[in-house]
């Protein structure tokens, strides 16, 4: 059972999504609950984990496809035209950038691409996390200590490389985003 919506850690995860997440008219945010409802209604939903191996080796959203595998399979074209493609990361920034890339190269309808709220809120909403070999886990790679907001039943894991490494990764993501503005 997910912790109460008002717990401090959930509020911190929601604040991280609000501050860093990518939400616009073309790639609206989608929650774990909305994904589950679509699947229950018979809609094919493909969650694409865009995080690097250091993060996906800890845990991933159950059923998620790694970005490298998604692209090797042919990307959006490999799935039915009515499938909803949902890139996912920690708080929605990196997955939002991937949404922009997909939308630039995906034929209409654009509404088939939605941006995940991220693995943090997925965990808060009771979404199942698994290891690469499919075993259930409560460990969540949070990208950085700044995003180490997980449910009380979970354990935050993040690179111990320090603030400088996190800043470098963040700058890389911002540069990628800025390049996308020019297209």
Protein backbone atom coordinates (compact mmCIF):
# COMPACT_ATOMS: atom_id res chain seq x y z
CA UNK A 1 0.00 0.00 0.00
CA UNK A 2 1.45 3.40 -0.97
CA UNK A 3 2.25 5.81 1.88
CA UNK A 4 -0.14 8.69 2.49
CA UNK A 5 -0.04 11.28 -0.29
CA UNK A 6 0.88 13.99 2.22
CA UNK A 7 4.09 12.45 3.55
CA UNK A 8 7.11 14.75 3.43
CA UNK A 9 9.16 12.52 1.11
CA UNK A 10 6.36 12.34 -1.44
CA UNK A 11 5.94 16.12 -1.31
CA UNK A 12 9.70 16.46 -1.94
CA UNK A 13 9.50 14.06 -4.91
CA UNK A 14 6.54 16.03 -6.30
CA UNK A 15 8.53 19.26 -5.88
CA UNK A 16 11.45 17.75 -7.81
CA UNK A 17 9.06 16.76 -10.62
CA UNK A 18 7.57 20.25 -10.65
CA UNK A 19 10.99 21.92 -10.71
CA UNK A 20 12.85 19.60 -13.09
CA UNK A 21 10.19 17.57 -14.88
CA UNK A 22 9.30 18.22 -18.49
CA UNK A 23 5.60 18.75 -19.11
CA UNK A 24 4.18 20.47 -22.15
CA UNK A 25 1.21 20.24 -24.47
CA UNK A 26 2.97 17.74 -26.74
CA UNK A 27 4.21 15.31 -24.08
CA UNK A 28 1.89 15.53 -21.10
CA UNK A 29 2.95 13.86 -17.87
CA UNK A 30 1.40 10.50 -17.10
CA UNK A 31 1.26 8.83 -13.68
CA UNK A 32 1.67 5.19 -12.72
CA UNK A 33 -2.07 5.09 -12.04
CA UNK A 34 -2.90 6.43 -15.50
CA UNK A 35 -0.55 3.88 -17.08
CA UNK A 36 -2.25 1.08 -15.15
CA UNK A 37 -5.71 2.33 -16.18
CA UNK A 38 -4.72 2.44 -19.85
CA UNK A 39 -3.34 -1.09 -19.67
CA UNK A 40 -6.48 -2.33 -17.88
CA UNK A 41 -8.48 -0.77 -20.72
CA UNK A 42 -6.54 -2.79 -23.27
CA UNK A 43 -4.22 0.00 -24.46
CA UNK A 44 -0.64 -1.04 -25.19
CA UNK A 45 1.72 1.10 -23.09
CA UNK A 46 5.47 0.93 -23.66
CA UNK A 47 7.54 2.40 -20.82
CA UNK A 48 11.01 3.29 -22.11
CA UNK A 49 13.64 3.71 -19.39
CA UNK A 50 16.05 6.41 -20.60
CA UNK A 51 18.37 6.24 -17.59
CA UNK A 52 21.95 4.97 -17.95
CA UNK A 53 22.98 1.43 -16.91
CA UNK A 54 24.32 2.63 -13.54
CA UNK A 55 20.71 3.48 -12.66
CA UNK A 56 18.79 0.74 -14.48
CA UNK A 57 21.09 -1.93 -13.01
CA UNK A 58 19.68 -1.01 -9.57
CA UNK A 59 16.00 -1.07 -10.51
CA UNK A 60 13.52 -0.20 -13.21
CA UNK A 61 9.78 0.05 -13.60
CA UNK A 62 8.39 -3.43 -14.13
CA UNK A 63 7.95 -4.13 -17.83
CA UNK A 64 10.04 -1.14 -18.94
CA UNK A 65 12.17 -1.42 -22.06
CA UNK A 66 15.64 0.09 -21.94
CA UNK A 67 16.17 2.97 -24.38
CA UNK A 68 18.96 1.12 -26.21
CA UNK A 69 16.68 -1.91 -26.73
CA UNK A 70 13.73 0.28 -27.77
CA UNK A 71 15.87 1.95 -30.42
CA UNK A 72 17.47 -1.33 -31.56
CA UNK A 73 13.94 -2.72 -32.09
CA UNK A 74 13.04 0.23 -34.35
CA UNK A 75 11.64 2.71 -31.82
CA UNK A 76 8.01 3.78 -32.09
CA UNK A 77 7.67 2.09 -35.48
CA UNK A 78 8.13 -1.32 -33.82
CA UNK A 79 4.88 -0.92 -31.87
CA UNK A 80 1.23 -0.65 -32.90
CA UNK A 81 0.17 2.83 -34.03
CA UNK A 82 -2.17 3.16 -31.04
CA UNK A 83 0.47 2.17 -28.46
CA UNK A 84 1.31 4.86 -25.93
CA UNK A 85 5.07 5.39 -25.62
CA UNK A 86 6.12 6.59 -22.14
CA UNK A 87 9.78 7.53 -21.63
CA UNK A 88 10.76 7.41 -17.95
CA UNK A 89 13.68 8.59 -15.81
CA UNK A 90 13.94 9.79 -12.21
CA UNK A 91 11.85 13.00 -12.17
CA UNK A 92 10.88 13.54 -15.81
CA UNK A 93 13.65 15.77 -17.18
CA UNK A 94 15.72 13.31 -19.19
CA UNK A 95 12.63 11.45 -20.30
CA UNK A 96 11.11 14.77 -21.34
CA UNK A 97 14.08 15.43 -23.58
CA UNK A 98 13.62 12.00 -25.10
CA UNK A 99 9.92 12.79 -25.64
CA UNK A 100 10.99 15.86 -27.64
CA UNK A 101 13.24 13.67 -29.79
CA UNK A 102 10.49 11.10 -30.34
CA UNK A 103 7.92 13.74 -31.22
CA UNK A 104 10.30 15.28 -33.74
CA UNK A 105 10.52 11.91 -35.52
CA UNK A 106 7.21 10.21 -34.76
CA UNK A 107 4.25 10.58 -37.10
CA UNK A 108 0.95 11.81 -35.63
CA UNK A 109 -0.87 11.26 -33.41
CA UNK A 110 1.53 12.99 -31.07
CA UNK A 111 -0.65 12.03 -28.10
CA UNK A 112 0.86 8.56 -28.31
CA UNK A 113 3.99 9.97 -26.60
CA UNK A 114 3.62 10.85 -22.90
CA UNK A 115 6.26 11.67 -20.31
CA UNK A 116 6.41 9.59 -17.15
CA UNK A 117 6.31 11.34 -13.79
CA UNK A 118 9.43 9.31 -13.04
CA UNK A 119 10.50 6.33 -11.02
CA UNK A 120 10.28 8.23 -7.72
CA UNK A 121 6.55 8.92 -7.96
CA UNK A 122 6.03 5.52 -9.58
CA UNK A 123 7.36 3.99 -6.33
CA UNK A 124 5.15 6.26 -4.22
CA UNK A 125 2.11 5.25 -6.26
CA UNK A 126 2.70 1.58 -5.51
CA UNK A 127 4.25 0.79 -8.88
CA UNK A 128 6.40 -2.31 -8.87
CA UNK A 129 10.16 -1.99 -9.34
CA UNK A 130 12.34 -4.87 -10.49
CA UNK A 131 16.02 -5.69 -10.89
CA UNK A 132 17.40 -6.39 -14.38
CA UNK A 133 16.65 -10.11 -13.87
CA UNK A 134 13.01 -9.36 -12.94
CA UNK A 135 13.14 -9.80 -9.15
CA UNK A 136 11.08 -7.35 -7.09
CA UNK A 137 13.16 -4.71 -5.32
CA UNK A 138 12.63 -1.71 -3.10
CA UNK A 139 15.88 -0.01 -4.12
CA UNK A 140 15.46 3.11 -6.25
CA UNK A 141 18.37 4.78 -8.02
CA UNK A 142 17.59 8.46 -7.50
CA UNK A 143 20.26 9.89 -9.87
CA UNK A 144 21.64 12.14 -7.13
CA UNK A 145 21.34 12.66 -3.39
CA UNK A 146 19.21 15.73 -4.15
CA UNK A 147 16.45 13.42 -5.43
CA UNK A 148 16.73 10.79 -2.67
CA UNK A 149 13.03 11.10 -1.84
CA UNK A 150 11.56 7.60 -1.76
CA UNK A 151 8.75 5.89 0.14
CA UNK A 152 9.65 4.76 3.67
CA UNK A 153 9.55 1.15 2.45
CA UNK A 154 12.22 1.84 -0.20
CA UNK A 155 15.95 2.58 -0.17
CA UNK A 156 17.48 5.42 -2.17
CA UNK A 157 20.65 4.57 -4.09
CA UNK A 158 22.73 7.21 -5.85
CA UNK A 159 26.24 7.81 -7.10
CA UNK A 160 28.61 8.77 -4.33
CA UNK A 161 30.73 10.75 -6.82
CA UNK A 162 29.69 13.98 -5.18
CA UNK A 163 28.06 17.17 -6.25
CA UNK A 164 30.45 17.88 -9.13
CA UNK A 165 29.48 14.68 -10.96
CA UNK A 166 25.78 15.53 -10.56
CA UNK A 167 26.36 19.05 -11.86
CA UNK A 168 28.24 17.70 -14.90
CA UNK A 169 25.41 15.26 -15.67
CA UNK A 170 22.87 18.06 -15.26
CA UNK A 171 24.81 20.36 -17.57
CA UNK A 172 25.02 17.61 -20.17
CA UNK A 173 21.23 17.21 -20.05
CA UNK A 174 20.72 20.99 -20.34
CA UNK A 175 23.06 21.14 -23.36
CA UNK A 176 21.05 18.35 -25.02
CA UNK A 177 17.84 20.21 -24.29
CA UNK A 178 19.21 23.49 -25.68
CA UNK A 179 20.31 21.73 -28.87
CA UNK A 180 16.73 20.52 -29.22
CA UNK A 181 15.44 24.11 -29.06
CA UNK A 182 17.33 24.91 -32.25
CA UNK A 183 15.54 22.18 -34.23
